[in-house]
Amino acid sequence: MELDQTYVWITTRRLTPSARDEFSRAWRPSEFPEGMLRSYECYSPDGSEVVGISIWDSPESRERYRLSEVETNRRQAMAPFVIEERSGFYVGRELRIPQV
């Protein structure tokens, strides 16, 4: 792996009306997985869409978690609040912003 290369899992979900708080409780995993370096929960201003972004140390760590019982249970808990879901796994790098 290059020094500045990271593995990023991004999932966008459209939520049922007024479900943001309930979804947020269901979204949190019961335990954070080995290999996850960072995780973000980003909402649209009206709360109708949420983007989950997680940074991983390897594709294998993400795949182990994706197939785990913890993730299966989490997805089942979120399902009643989700209308639509899109997901992708990417190789990325942080862009350095020059200091003026």
PDB file of N, CA and C in Angstrom:
ATOM      1  N   MET A   1       0.848  -1.183   0.000  1.00  0.00           N
ATOM      2  CA  MET A   1       0.000   0.000   0.000  1.00  0.00           C
ATOM      3  C   MET A   1       0.889   1.239   0.000  1.00  0.00           C
ATOM      4  N   GLU A   2       0.550   2.194  -0.834  1.00  0.00           N
ATOM      5  CA  GLU A   2       1.266   3.464  -0.812  1.00  0.00           C
ATOM      6  C   GLU A   2       1.008   4.144   0.519  1.00  0.00           C
ATOM      7  N   LEU A   3       1.910   4.988   0.950  1.00  0.00           N
ATOM      8  CA  LEU A   3       1.780   5.635   2.248  1.00  0.00           C
ATOM      9  C   LEU A   3       0.511   6.457   2.381  1.00  0.00           C
ATOM     10  N   ASP A   4       0.098   7.138   1.314  1.00  0.00           N
ATOM     11  CA  ASP A   4      -1.072   8.004   1.439  1.00  0.00           C
ATOM     12  C   ASP A   4      -2.356   7.350   0.915  1.00  0.00           C
ATOM     13  N   GLN A   5      -2.322   6.054   0.623  1.00  0.00           N
ATOM     14  CA  GLN A   5      -3.482   5.347   0.091  1.00  0.00           C
ATOM     15  C   GLN A   5      -4.360   4.845   1.230  1.00  0.00           C
ATOM     16  N   THR A   6      -5.667   5.021   1.086  1.00  0.00           N
ATOM     17  CA  THR A   6      -6.616   4.518   2.077  1.00  0.00           C
ATOM     18  C   THR A   6      -7.732   3.766   1.368  1.00  0.00           C
ATOM     19  N   TYR A   7      -8.496   3.002   2.145  1.00  0.00           N
ATOM     20  CA  TYR A   7      -9.628   2.247   1.633  1.00  0.00           C
ATOM     21  C   TYR A   7     -10.882   2.838   2.249  1.00  0.00           C
ATOM     22  N   VAL A   8     -11.813   3.243   1.396  1.00  0.00           N
ATOM     23  CA  VAL A   8     -12.968   4.016   1.840  1.00  0.00           C
ATOM     24  C   VAL A   8     -14.260   3.319   1.398  1.00  0.00           C
ATOM     25  N   TRP A   9     -15.140   3.099   2.364  1.00  0.00           N
ATOM     26  CA  TRP A   9     -16.465   2.522   2.094  1.00  0.00           C
ATOM     27  C   TRP A   9     -17.470   3.646   2.285  1.00  0.00           C
ATOM     28  N   ILE A  10     -18.221   3.955   1.241  1.00  0.00           N
ATOM     29  CA  ILE A  10     -19.204   5.041   1.285  1.00  0.00           C
ATOM     30  C   ILE A  10     -20.581   4.458   0.976  1.00  0.00           C
ATOM     31  N   THR A  11     -21.523   4.715   1.860  1.00  0.00           N
ATOM     32  CA  THR A  11     -22.893   4.253   1.678  1.00  0.00           C
ATOM     33  C   THR A  11     -23.836   5.438   1.834  1.00  0.00           C
ATOM     34  N   THR A  12     -24.720   5.613   0.873  1.00  0.00           N
ATOM     35  CA  THR A  12     -25.724   6.673   0.918  1.00  0.00           C
ATOM     36  C   THR A  12     -27.090   6.026   1.062  1.00  0.00           C
ATOM     37  N   ARG A  13     -27.852   6.524   2.038  1.00  0.00           N
ATOM     38  CA  ARG A  13     -29.196   5.984   2.269  1.00  0.00           C
ATOM     39  C   ARG A  13     -30.209   7.112   2.290  1.00  0.00           C
ATOM     40  N   ARG A  14     -31.327   6.893   1.601  1.00  0.00           N
ATOM     41  CA  ARG A  14     -32.469   7.804   1.681  1.00  0.00           C
ATOM     42  C   ARG A  14     -33.391   7.231   2.741  1.00  0.00           C
ATOM     43  N   LEU A  15     -33.815   8.082   3.682  1.00  0.00           N
ATOM     44  CA  LEU A  15     -34.563   7.630   4.850  1.00  0.00           C
ATOM     45  C   LEU A  15     -36.045   7.909   4.734  1.00  0.00           C
ATOM     46  N   THR A  16     -36.832   7.125   5.460  1.00  0.00           N
ATOM     47  CA  THR A  16     -38.265   7.394   5.558  1.00  0.00           C
ATOM     48  C   THR A  16     -38.446   8.734   6.273  1.00  0.00           C
ATOM     49  N   PRO A  17     -39.526   9.440   6.000  1.00  0.00           N
ATOM     50  CA  PRO A  17     -39.735  10.756   6.619  1.00  0.00           C
ATOM     51  C   PRO A  17     -39.684  10.694   8.147  1.00  0.00           C
ATOM     52  N   SER A  18     -38.994  11.646   8.730  1.00  0.00           N
ATOM     53  CA  SER A  18     -38.889  11.820  10.182  1.00  0.00           C
ATOM     54  C   SER A  18     -38.232  10.643  10.895  1.00  0.00           C
ATOM     55  N   ALA A  19     -37.379   9.892  10.210  1.00  0.00           N
ATOM     56  CA  ALA A  19     -36.756   8.715  10.818  1.00  0.00           C
ATOM     57  C   ALA A  19     -35.311   8.936  11.236  1.00  0.00           C
ATOM     58  N   ARG A  20     -34.799  10.161  11.116  1.00  0.00           N
ATOM     59  CA  ARG A  20     -33.379  10.407  11.338  1.00  0.00           C
ATOM     60  C   ARG A  20     -32.886   9.923  12.698  1.00  0.00           C
ATOM     61  N   ASP A  21     -33.558  10.271  13.779  1.00  0.00           N
ATOM     62  CA  ASP A  21     -33.085   9.908  15.113  1.00  0.00           C
ATOM     63  C   ASP A  21     -33.127   8.390  15.328  1.00  0.00           C
ATOM     64  N   GLU A  22     -34.208   7.758  14.893  1.00  0.00           N
ATOM     65  CA  GLU A  22     -34.310   6.303  15.036  1.00  0.00           C
ATOM     66  C   GLU A  22     -33.257   5.600  14.183  1.00  0.00           C
ATOM     67  N   PHE A  23     -33.068   6.095  12.959  1.00  0.00           N
ATOM     68  CA  PHE A  23     -32.044   5.521  12.091  1.00  0.00           C
ATOM     69  C   PHE A  23     -30.671   5.662  12.730  1.00  0.00           C
ATOM     70  N   SER A  24     -30.368   6.826  13.270  1.00  0.00           N
ATOM     71  CA  SER A  24     -29.057   7.083  13.855  1.00  0.00           C
ATOM     72  C   SER A  24     -28.765   6.100  14.991  1.00  0.00           C
ATOM     73  N   ARG A  25     -29.758   5.798  15.808  1.00  0.00           N
ATOM     74  CA  ARG A  25     -29.562   4.817  16.880  1.00  0.00           C
ATOM     75  C   ARG A  25     -29.296   3.431  16.305  1.00  0.00           C
ATOM     76  N   ALA A  26     -30.026   3.060  15.255  1.00  0.00           N
ATOM     77  CA  ALA A  26     -29.848   1.746  14.637  1.00  0.00           C
ATOM     78  C   ALA A  26     -28.533   1.651  13.870  1.00  0.00           C
ATOM     79  N   TRP A  27     -28.071   2.778  13.351  1.00  0.00           N
ATOM     80  CA  TRP A  27     -26.867   2.828  12.510  1.00  0.00           C
ATOM     81  C   TRP A  27     -25.604   2.496  13.291  1.00  0.00           C
ATOM     82  N   ARG A  28     -25.548   2.866  14.545  1.00  0.00           N
ATOM     83  CA  ARG A  28     -24.333   2.658  15.330  1.00  0.00           C
ATOM     84  C   ARG A  28     -24.100   1.170  15.569  1.00  0.00           C
ATOM     85  N   PRO A  29     -22.923   0.679  15.212  1.00  0.00           N
ATOM     86  CA  PRO A  29     -22.646  -0.744  15.437  1.00  0.00           C
ATOM     87  C   PRO A  29     -22.505  -1.043  16.934  1.00  0.00           C
ATOM     88  N   SER A  30     -22.794  -2.286  17.307  1.00  0.00           N
ATOM     89  CA  SER A  30     -22.658  -2.677  18.711  1.00  0.00           C
ATOM     90  C   SER A  30     -21.194  -2.736  19.120  1.00  0.00           C
ATOM     91  N   GLU A  31     -20.320  -2.923  18.155  1.00  0.00           N
ATOM     92  CA  GLU A  31     -18.880  -2.879  18.404  1.00  0.00           C
ATOM     93  C   GLU A  31     -18.201  -2.382  17.135  1.00  0.00           C
ATOM     94  N   PHE A  32     -17.109  -1.654  17.309  1.00  0.00           N
ATOM     95  CA  PHE A  32     -16.401  -1.155  16.143  1.00  0.00           C
ATOM     96  C   PHE A  32     -15.386  -2.195  15.693  1.00  0.00           C
ATOM     97  N   PRO A  33     -15.319  -2.438  14.402  1.00  0.00           N
ATOM     98  CA  PRO A  33     -14.529  -3.556  13.892  1.00  0.00           C
ATOM     99  C   PRO A  33     -13.034  -3.281  13.853  1.00  0.00           C
ATOM    100  N   GLU A  34     -12.310  -4.369  13.956  1.00  0.00           N
ATOM    101  CA  GLU A  34     -10.865  -4.318  13.779  1.00  0.00           C
ATOM    102  C   GLU A  34     -10.584  -3.887  12.340  1.00  0.00           C
ATOM    103  N   GLY A  35      -9.681  -2.953  12.175  1.00  0.00           N
ATOM    104  CA  GLY A  35      -9.320  -2.487  10.842  1.00  0.00           C
ATOM    105  C   GLY A  35     -10.018  -1.212  10.414  1.00  0.00           C
ATOM    106  N   MET A  36     -11.076  -0.799  11.136  1.00  0.00           N
ATOM    107  CA  MET A  36     -11.725   0.471  10.818  1.00  0.00           C
ATOM    108  C   MET A  36     -10.921   1.575  11.493  1.00  0.00           C
ATOM    109  N   LEU A  37     -10.456   2.520  10.695  1.00  0.00           N
ATOM    110  CA  LEU A  37      -9.610   3.603  11.217  1.00  0.00           C
ATOM    111  C   LEU A  37     -10.410   4.837  11.602  1.00  0.00           C
ATOM    112  N   ARG A  38     -11.442   5.143  10.831  1.00  0.00           N
ATOM    113  CA  ARG A  38     -12.309   6.300  11.079  1.00  0.00           C
ATOM    114  C   ARG A  38     -13.684   6.002  10.518  1.00  0.00           C
ATOM    115  N   SER A  39     -14.678   6.737  11.040  1.00  0.00           N
ATOM    116  CA  SER A  39     -16.044   6.578  10.554  1.00  0.00           C
ATOM    117  C   SER A  39     -16.783   7.900  10.700  1.00  0.00           C
ATOM    118  N   TYR A  40     -17.602   8.228   9.697  1.00  0.00           N
ATOM    119  CA  TYR A  40     -18.345   9.486   9.693  1.00  0.00           C
ATOM    120  C   TYR A  40     -19.806   9.200   9.354  1.00  0.00           C
ATOM    121  N   GLU A  41     -20.701   9.966   9.956  1.00  0.00           N
ATOM    122  CA  GLU A  41     -22.129   9.928   9.670  1.00  0.00           C
ATOM    123  C   GLU A  41     -22.507  11.349   9.242  1.00  0.00           C
ATOM    124  N   CYS A  42     -22.897  11.532   7.971  1.00  0.00           N
ATOM    125  CA  CYS A  42     -23.191  12.848   7.422  1.00  0.00           C
ATOM    126  C   CYS A  42     -24.646  12.895   6.956  1.00  0.00           C
ATOM    127  N   TYR A  43     -25.387  13.902   7.436  1.00  0.00           N
ATOM    128  CA  TYR A  43     -26.800  14.041   7.082  1.00  0.00           C
ATOM    129  C   TYR A  43     -27.034  15.234   6.179  1.00  0.00           C
ATOM    130  N   SER A  44     -28.052  15.106   5.299  1.00  0.00           N
ATOM    131  CA  SER A  44     -28.515  16.264   4.542  1.00  0.00           C
ATOM    132  C   SER A  44     -29.206  17.200   5.540  1.00  0.00           C
ATOM    133  N   PRO A  45     -29.279  18.499   5.222  1.00  0.00           N
ATOM    134  CA  PRO A  45     -29.888  19.452   6.157  1.00  0.00           C
ATOM    135  C   PRO A  45     -31.303  19.084   6.605  1.00  0.00           C
ATOM    136  N   ASP A  46     -32.083  18.455   5.733  1.00  0.00           N
ATOM    137  CA  ASP A  46     -33.457  18.092   6.126  1.00  0.00           C
ATOM    138  C   ASP A  46     -33.546  16.710   6.776  1.00  0.00           C
ATOM    139  N   GLY A  47     -32.417  15.998   6.908  1.00  0.00           N
ATOM    140  CA  GLY A  47     -32.400  14.701   7.568  1.00  0.00           C
ATOM    141  C   GLY A  47     -32.947  13.542   6.749  1.00  0.00           C
ATOM    142  N   SER A  48     -33.201  13.766   5.458  1.00  0.00           N
ATOM    143  CA  SER A  48     -33.805  12.714   4.637  1.00  0.00           C
ATOM    144  C   SER A  48     -32.772  11.783   3.998  1.00  0.00           C
ATOM    145  N   GLU A  49     -31.502  12.156   4.077  1.00  0.00           N
ATOM    146  CA  GLU A  49     -30.449  11.344   3.478  1.00  0.00           C
ATOM    147  C   GLU A  49     -29.253  11.316   4.413  1.00  0.00           C
ATOM    148  N   VAL A  50     -28.611  10.161   4.501  1.00  0.00           N
ATOM    149  CA  VAL A  50     -27.419  10.018   5.335  1.00  0.00           C
ATOM    150  C   VAL A  50     -26.333   9.336   4.507  1.00  0.00           C
ATOM    151  N   VAL A  51     -25.109   9.812   4.681  1.00  0.00           N
ATOM    152  CA  VAL A  51     -23.954   9.212   4.025  1.00  0.00           C
ATOM    153  C   VAL A  51     -23.041   8.694   5.126  1.00  0.00           C
ATOM    154  N   GLY A  52     -22.749   7.412   5.068  1.00  0.00           N
ATOM    155  CA  GLY A  52     -21.792   6.807   5.987  1.00  0.00           C
ATOM    156  C   GLY A  52     -20.472   6.646   5.275  1.00  0.00           C
ATOM    157  N   ILE A  53     -19.403   7.115   5.905  1.00  0.00           N
ATOM    158  CA  ILE A  53     -18.068   7.021   5.321  1.00  0.00           C
ATOM    159  C   ILE A  53     -17.176   6.347   6.351  1.00  0.00           C
ATOM    160  N   SER A  54     -16.542   5.253   5.956  1.00  0.00           N
ATOM    161  CA  SER A  54     -15.603   4.598   6.860  1.00  0.00           C
ATOM    162  C   SER A  54     -14.283   4.376   6.142  1.00  0.00           C
ATOM    163  N   ILE A  55     -13.210   4.547   6.895  1.00  0.00           N
ATOM    164  CA  ILE A  55     -11.848   4.400   6.382  1.00  0.00           C
ATOM    165  C   ILE A  55     -11.275   3.115   6.986  1.00  0.00           C
ATOM    166  N   TRP A  56     -10.688   2.276   6.149  1.00  0.00           N
ATOM    167  CA  TRP A  56     -10.217   0.949   6.550  1.00  0.00           C
ATOM    168  C   TRP A  56      -8.731   0.783   6.303  1.00  0.00           C
ATOM    169  N   ASP A  57      -8.113  -0.109   7.062  1.00  0.00           N
ATOM    170  CA  ASP A  57      -6.682  -0.377   6.870  1.00  0.00           C
ATOM    171  C   ASP A  57      -6.422  -1.323   5.695  1.00  0.00           C
ATOM    172  N   SER A  58      -7.465  -2.079   5.257  1.00  0.00           N
ATOM    173  CA  SER A  58      -7.295  -2.994   4.130  1.00  0.00           C
ATOM    174  C   SER A  58      -8.665  -3.411   3.589  1.00  0.00           C
ATOM    175  N   PRO A  59      -8.706  -3.850   2.343  1.00  0.00           N
ATOM    176  CA  PRO A  59      -9.964  -4.381   1.811  1.00  0.00           C
ATOM    177  C   PRO A  59     -10.441  -5.612   2.585  1.00  0.00           C
ATOM    178  N   GLU A  60      -9.499  -6.414   3.075  1.00  0.00           N
ATOM    179  CA  GLU A  60      -9.853  -7.622   3.806  1.00  0.00           C
ATOM    180  C   GLU A  60     -10.560  -7.311   5.126  1.00  0.00           C
ATOM    181  N   SER A  61     -10.117  -6.274   5.832  1.00  0.00           N
ATOM    182  CA  SER A  61     -10.771  -5.874   7.088  1.00  0.00           C
ATOM    183  C   SER A  61     -12.210  -5.448   6.823  1.00  0.00           C
ATOM    184  N   ARG A  62     -12.404  -4.647   5.814  1.00  0.00           N
ATOM    185  CA  ARG A  62     -13.755  -4.193   5.470  1.00  0.00           C
ATOM    186  C   ARG A  62     -14.638  -5.375   5.090  1.00  0.00           C
ATOM    187  N   GLU A  63     -14.104  -6.303   4.310  1.00  0.00           N
ATOM    188  CA  GLU A  63     -14.894  -7.449   3.873  1.00  0.00           C
ATOM    189  C   GLU A  63     -15.272  -8.355   5.050  1.00  0.00           C
ATOM    190  N   ARG A  64     -14.350  -8.578   5.980  1.00  0.00           N
ATOM    191  CA  ARG A  64     -14.668  -9.375   7.176  1.00  0.00           C
ATOM    192  C   ARG A  64     -15.827  -8.740   7.935  1.00  0.00           C
ATOM    193  N   TYR A  65     -15.772  -7.415   8.094  1.00  0.00           N
ATOM    194  CA  TYR A  65     -16.851  -6.730   8.806  1.00  0.00           C
ATOM    195  C   TYR A  65     -18.154  -6.781   8.012  1.00  0.00           C
ATOM    196  N   ARG A  66     -18.087  -6.544   6.711  1.00  0.00           N
ATOM    197  CA  ARG A  66     -19.288  -6.541   5.872  1.00  0.00           C
ATOM    198  C   ARG A  66     -20.042  -7.869   5.980  1.00  0.00           C
ATOM    199  N   LEU A  67     -19.306  -8.961   6.122  1.00  0.00           N
ATOM    200  CA  LEU A  67     -19.902 -10.296   6.192  1.00  0.00           C
ATOM    201  C   LEU A  67     -20.172 -10.767   7.624  1.00  0.00           C
ATOM    202  N   SER A  68     -19.877  -9.932   8.615  1.00  0.00           N
ATOM    203  CA  SER A  68     -19.984 -10.332  10.019  1.00  0.00           C
ATOM    204  C   SER A  68     -21.425 -10.321  10.530  1.00  0.00           C
ATOM    205  N   GLU A  69     -21.640 -11.011  11.621  1.00  0.00           N
ATOM    206  CA  GLU A  69     -22.945 -11.021  12.282  1.00  0.00           C
ATOM    207  C   GLU A  69     -23.293  -9.635  12.823  1.00  0.00           C
ATOM    208  N   VAL A  70     -22.304  -8.912  13.324  1.00  0.00           N
ATOM    209  CA  VAL A  70     -22.536  -7.557  13.832  1.00  0.00           C
ATOM    210  C   VAL A  70     -23.107  -6.669  12.733  1.00  0.00           C
ATOM    211  N   GLU A  71     -22.538  -6.726  11.534  1.00  0.00           N
ATOM    212  CA  GLU A  71     -23.025  -5.912  10.419  1.00  0.00           C
ATOM    213  C   GLU A  71     -24.393  -6.396   9.950  1.00  0.00           C
ATOM    214  N   THR A  72     -24.620  -7.697   9.926  1.00  0.00           N
ATOM    215  CA  THR A  72     -25.933  -8.232   9.547  1.00  0.00           C
ATOM    216  C   THR A  72     -27.007  -7.718  10.498  1.00  0.00           C
ATOM    217  N   ASN A  73     -26.733  -7.756  11.792  1.00  0.00           N
ATOM    218  CA  ASN A  73     -27.693  -7.273  12.793  1.00  0.00           C
ATOM    219  C   ASN A  73     -27.932  -5.775  12.649  1.00  0.00           C
ATOM    220  N   ARG A  74     -26.885  -5.029  12.396  1.00  0.00           N
ATOM    221  CA  ARG A  74     -26.994  -3.581  12.222  1.00  0.00           C
ATOM    222  C   ARG A  74     -27.861  -3.256  11.012  1.00  0.00           C
ATOM    223  N   ARG A  75     -27.638  -3.939   9.916  1.00  0.00           N
ATOM    224  CA  ARG A  75     -28.421  -3.698   8.699  1.00  0.00           C
ATOM    225  C   ARG A  75     -29.896  -4.038   8.914  1.00  0.00           C
ATOM    226  N   GLN A  76     -30.166  -5.094   9.651  1.00  0.00           N
ATOM    227  CA  GLN A  76     -31.554  -5.454   9.956  1.00  0.00           C
ATOM    228  C   GLN A  76     -32.217  -4.373  10.813  1.00  0.00           C
ATOM    229  N   ALA A  77     -31.474  -3.806  11.756  1.00  0.00           N
ATOM    230  CA  ALA A  77     -32.026  -2.751  12.618  1.00  0.00           C
ATOM    231  C   ALA A  77     -32.306  -1.470  11.827  1.00  0.00           C
ATOM    232  N   MET A  78     -31.487  -1.184  10.810  1.00  0.00           N
ATOM    233  CA  MET A  78     -31.665   0.022   9.995  1.00  0.00           C
ATOM    234  C   MET A  78     -32.773  -0.121   8.953  1.00  0.00           C
ATOM    235  N   ALA A  79     -33.035  -1.322   8.511  1.00  0.00           N
ATOM    236  CA  ALA A  79     -33.920  -1.572   7.359  1.00  0.00           C
ATOM    237  C   ALA A  79     -35.274  -0.867   7.418  1.00  0.00           C
ATOM    238  N   PRO A  80     -35.958  -0.812   8.563  1.00  0.00           N
ATOM    239  CA  PRO A  80     -37.271  -0.161   8.572  1.00  0.00           C
ATOM    240  C   PRO A  80     -37.236   1.337   8.248  1.00  0.00           C
ATOM    241  N   PHE A  81     -36.070   1.952   8.325  1.00  0.00           N
ATOM    242  CA  PHE A  81     -35.952   3.397   8.137  1.00  0.00           C
ATOM    243  C   PHE A  81     -35.350   3.780   6.785  1.00  0.00           C
ATOM    244  N   VAL A  82     -34.984   2.788   5.965  1.00  0.00           N
ATOM    245  CA  VAL A  82     -34.271   3.033   4.710  1.00  0.00           C
ATOM    246  C   VAL A  82     -35.185   2.788   3.514  1.00  0.00           C
ATOM    247  N   ILE A  83     -35.286   3.796   2.646  1.00  0.00           N
ATOM    248  CA  ILE A  83     -36.059   3.683   1.410  1.00  0.00           C
ATOM    249  C   ILE A  83     -35.170   3.168   0.281  1.00  0.00           C
ATOM    250  N   GLU A  84     -33.947   3.688   0.231  1.00  0.00           N
ATOM    251  CA  GLU A  84     -33.022   3.359  -0.864  1.00  0.00           C
ATOM    252  C   GLU A  84     -31.601   3.401  -0.329  1.00  0.00           C
ATOM    253  N   GLU A  85     -30.740   2.531  -0.865  1.00  0.00           N
ATOM    254  CA  GLU A  85     -29.335   2.483  -0.438  1.00  0.00           C
ATOM    255  C   GLU A  85     -28.421   2.287  -1.633  1.00  0.00           C
ATOM    256  N   ARG A  86     -27.307   3.014  -1.635  1.00  0.00           N
ATOM    257  CA  ARG A  86     -26.237   2.856  -2.622  1.00  0.00           C
ATOM    258  C   ARG A  86     -24.922   2.758  -1.862  1.00  0.00           C
ATOM    259  N   SER A  87     -24.022   1.914  -2.355  1.00  0.00           N
ATOM    260  CA  SER A  87     -22.771   1.714  -1.634  1.00  0.00           C
ATOM    261  C   SER A  87     -21.633   1.474  -2.613  1.00  0.00           C
ATOM    262  N   GLY A  88     -20.438   1.893  -2.232  1.00  0.00           N
ATOM    263  CA  GLY A  88     -19.246   1.642  -3.032  1.00  0.00           C
ATOM    264  C   GLY A  88     -18.014   1.572  -2.151  1.00  0.00           C
ATOM    265  N   PHE A  89     -17.013   0.859  -2.618  1.00  0.00           N
ATOM    266  CA  PHE A  89     -15.745   0.716  -1.902  1.00  0.00           C
ATOM    267  C   PHE A  89     -14.647   1.243  -2.814  1.00  0.00           C
ATOM    268  N   TYR A  90     -13.825   2.135  -2.283  1.00  0.00           N
ATOM    269  CA  TYR A  90     -12.878   2.886  -3.101  1.00  0.00           C
ATOM    270  C   TYR A  90     -11.476   2.873  -2.503  1.00  0.00           C
ATOM    271  N   VAL A  91     -10.504   3.060  -3.373  1.00  0.00           N
ATOM    272  CA  VAL A  91      -9.132   3.323  -2.952  1.00  0.00           C
ATOM    273  C   VAL A  91      -8.943   4.818  -3.127  1.00  0.00           C
ATOM    274  N   GLY A  92      -8.468   5.484  -2.088  1.00  0.00           N
ATOM    275  CA  GLY A  92      -8.333   6.934  -2.155  1.00  0.00           C
ATOM    276  C   GLY A  92      -7.067   7.416  -1.484  1.00  0.00           C
ATOM    277  N   ARG A  93      -6.947   8.710  -1.465  1.00  0.00           N
ATOM    278  CA  ARG A  93      -5.829   9.352  -0.772  1.00  0.00           C
ATOM    279  C   ARG A  93      -6.290  10.721  -0.305  1.00  0.00           C
ATOM    280  N   GLU A  94      -5.671  11.210   0.738  1.00  0.00           N
ATOM    281  CA  GLU A  94      -5.988  12.536   1.239  1.00  0.00           C
ATOM    282  C   GLU A  94      -5.285  13.563   0.371  1.00  0.00           C
ATOM    283  N   LEU A  95      -6.022  14.597  -0.014  1.00  0.00           N
ATOM    284  CA  LEU A  95      -5.412  15.677  -0.786  1.00  0.00           C
ATOM    285  C   LEU A  95      -4.847  16.702   0.178  1.00  0.00           C
ATOM    286  N   ARG A  96      -3.664  17.099  -0.058  1.00  0.00           N
ATOM    287  CA  ARG A  96      -3.006  18.078   0.798  1.00  0.00           C
ATOM    288  C   ARG A  96      -3.356  19.484   0.320  1.00  0.00           C
ATOM    289  N   ILE A  97      -3.875  20.291   1.200  1.00  0.00           N
ATOM    290  CA  ILE A  97      -4.213  21.675   0.865  1.00  0.00           C
ATOM    291  C   ILE A  97      -3.007  22.535   1.208  1.00  0.00           C
ATOM    292  N   PRO A  98      -2.460  23.234   0.209  1.00  0.00           N
ATOM    293  CA  PRO A  98      -1.272  24.054   0.487  1.00  0.00           C
ATOM    294  C   PRO A  98      -1.576  25.170   1.490  1.00  0.00           C
ATOM    295  N   GLN A  99      -0.669  25.399   2.379  1.00  0.00           N
ATOM    296  CA  GLN A  99      -0.789  26.498   3.333  1.00  0.00           C
ATOM    297  C   GLN A  99      -0.229  27.756   2.706  1.00  0.00           C
ATOM    298  N   VAL A 100      -1.012  28.814   2.715  1.00  0.00           N
ATOM    299  CA  VAL A 100      -0.603  30.069   2.072  1.00  0.00           C
ATOM    300  C   VAL A 100       0.164  30.922   3.051  1.00  0.00           C
TER     301      VAL A 100
END
